[in-house]
Amino acid sequence: MTAIPHTDTEPWVFGVEPLPQMVRAAAQLRRVTGLLLSLEEPDPDLDGLLDALAQAEQILTERAPAPESPPRVGTAADGDGRPYIDHSRHI
C-alpha cells in the first residue's frame, strides 16, 4: 500500500453556510412538493400557491446575484461573484 504524501497546501474552501431561511425553505419546499405530487385531481387552491411562488420568484430574481456570476469557491472564495453554498444537503 502506498502512502499519500502530506502537503502543506491550503485546504479547499467549499463556500459559505446557508442562511437559516434557506435551510427552512428547502425543507418546506421538499414537503410541499411531495404533497403536490401526491394529488390526483386539480385543486383550485393551488392557483393561489402558484401565484405566490411566481411572486417569490420575481422578488428573488431581483435580489439574487446573476446566475452567470462565477461562484466564490476554492481560490476565488474571497473574490467577486455569487456565494457558493453546498446545495447537496438541501436537494
Protein backbone atom coordinates (compact mmCIF):
# COMPACT_ATOMS: atom_id res chain seq x y z
CA MET A 1 0.00 0.00 0.00
CA THR A 2 1.31 3.43 -0.98
CA ALA A 3 1.01 6.28 1.50
CA ILE A 4 -0.40 9.58 0.32
CA PRO A 5 2.28 12.24 0.76
CA HIS A 6 1.47 15.09 3.15
CA THR A 7 1.46 18.58 1.67
CA ASP A 8 1.27 21.96 3.36
CA THR A 9 -1.29 23.42 0.96
CA GLU A 10 -4.31 25.46 1.95
CA PRO A 11 -7.48 23.40 2.40
CA TRP A 12 -10.10 23.67 -0.32
CA VAL A 13 -12.76 26.24 0.58
CA PHE A 14 -16.24 24.89 -0.02
CA GLY A 15 -18.21 28.08 0.36
CA VAL A 16 -20.39 29.62 3.00
CA GLU A 17 -23.02 28.31 5.36
CA PRO A 18 -26.58 28.70 4.07
CA LEU A 19 -28.81 31.29 5.64
CA PRO A 20 -31.27 29.85 8.19
CA GLN A 21 -34.07 30.91 5.81
CA MET A 22 -32.52 28.74 3.07
CA VAL A 23 -32.47 25.68 5.33
CA ARG A 24 -36.07 26.27 6.39
CA ALA A 25 -37.24 26.93 2.82
CA ALA A 26 -35.52 23.86 1.43
CA ALA A 27 -37.21 21.57 3.95
CA GLN A 28 -40.61 23.18 3.48
CA LEU A 29 -40.39 23.15 -0.32
CA ARG A 30 -39.49 19.44 -0.27
CA ARG A 31 -42.55 18.68 1.89
CA VAL A 32 -44.88 20.83 -0.24
CA THR A 33 -43.53 19.30 -3.46
CA GLY A 34 -44.11 15.80 -2.09
CA LEU A 35 -47.70 16.67 -1.17
CA LEU A 36 -48.32 18.36 -4.52
CA LEU A 37 -47.03 15.32 -6.41
CA SER A 38 -49.40 13.06 -4.48
CA LEU A 39 -52.55 14.83 -5.69
CA GLU A 40 -54.75 13.04 -8.20
CA GLU A 41 -57.20 15.83 -9.06
CA PRO A 42 -56.81 19.52 -9.93
CA ASP A 43 -57.21 21.74 -6.87
CA PRO A 44 -58.27 25.38 -7.27
CA ASP A 45 -56.49 26.32 -4.03
CA LEU A 46 -53.19 25.56 -5.76
CA ASP A 47 -53.64 28.56 -8.04
CA GLY A 48 -53.01 30.85 -5.05
CA LEU A 49 -49.91 28.87 -4.12
CA LEU A 50 -48.62 29.05 -7.70
CA ASP A 51 -49.26 32.80 -7.82
CA ALA A 52 -47.37 33.26 -4.53
CA LEU A 53 -44.47 31.21 -5.89
CA ALA A 54 -44.38 33.29 -9.08
CA GLN A 55 -44.24 36.45 -6.95
CA ALA A 56 -41.48 34.95 -4.78
CA GLU A 57 -39.53 34.02 -7.90
CA GLN A 58 -39.77 37.59 -9.20
CA ILE A 59 -38.62 39.07 -5.87
CA LEU A 60 -35.71 36.63 -5.55
CA THR A 61 -34.65 37.19 -9.16
CA GLU A 62 -34.34 40.90 -8.44
CA ARG A 63 -32.26 40.31 -5.29
CA ALA A 64 -30.10 37.33 -6.15
CA PRO A 65 -26.77 37.64 -7.97
CA ALA A 66 -26.90 36.93 -11.68
CA PRO A 67 -26.82 33.16 -12.33
CA GLU A 68 -23.89 33.62 -14.73
CA SER A 69 -21.77 35.15 -11.95
CA PRO A 70 -18.95 32.77 -11.07
CA PRO A 71 -19.23 31.13 -7.65
CA ARG A 72 -16.90 32.25 -4.87
CA VAL A 73 -15.27 28.89 -4.17
CA GLY A 74 -11.75 27.48 -3.97
CA THR A 75 -9.13 30.03 -4.91
CA ALA A 76 -11.90 32.53 -5.77
CA ALA A 77 -13.58 32.28 -2.32
CA ASP A 78 -12.70 35.87 -1.45
CA GLY A 79 -13.33 37.28 -4.93
CA ASP A 80 -16.30 38.74 -6.73
CA GLY A 81 -19.26 36.65 -7.77
CA ARG A 82 -22.09 34.82 -6.08
CA PRO A 83 -21.67 32.94 -2.81
CA TYR A 84 -21.11 29.23 -3.18
CA ILE A 85 -23.33 27.17 -0.93
CA ASP A 86 -23.19 23.39 -0.82
CA HIS A 87 -26.71 22.71 -2.07
CA SER A 88 -26.40 18.92 -1.94
CA ARG A 89 -27.66 18.69 1.63
CA HIS A 90 -30.81 20.60 0.72
CA ILE A 91 -31.80 18.93 -2.54
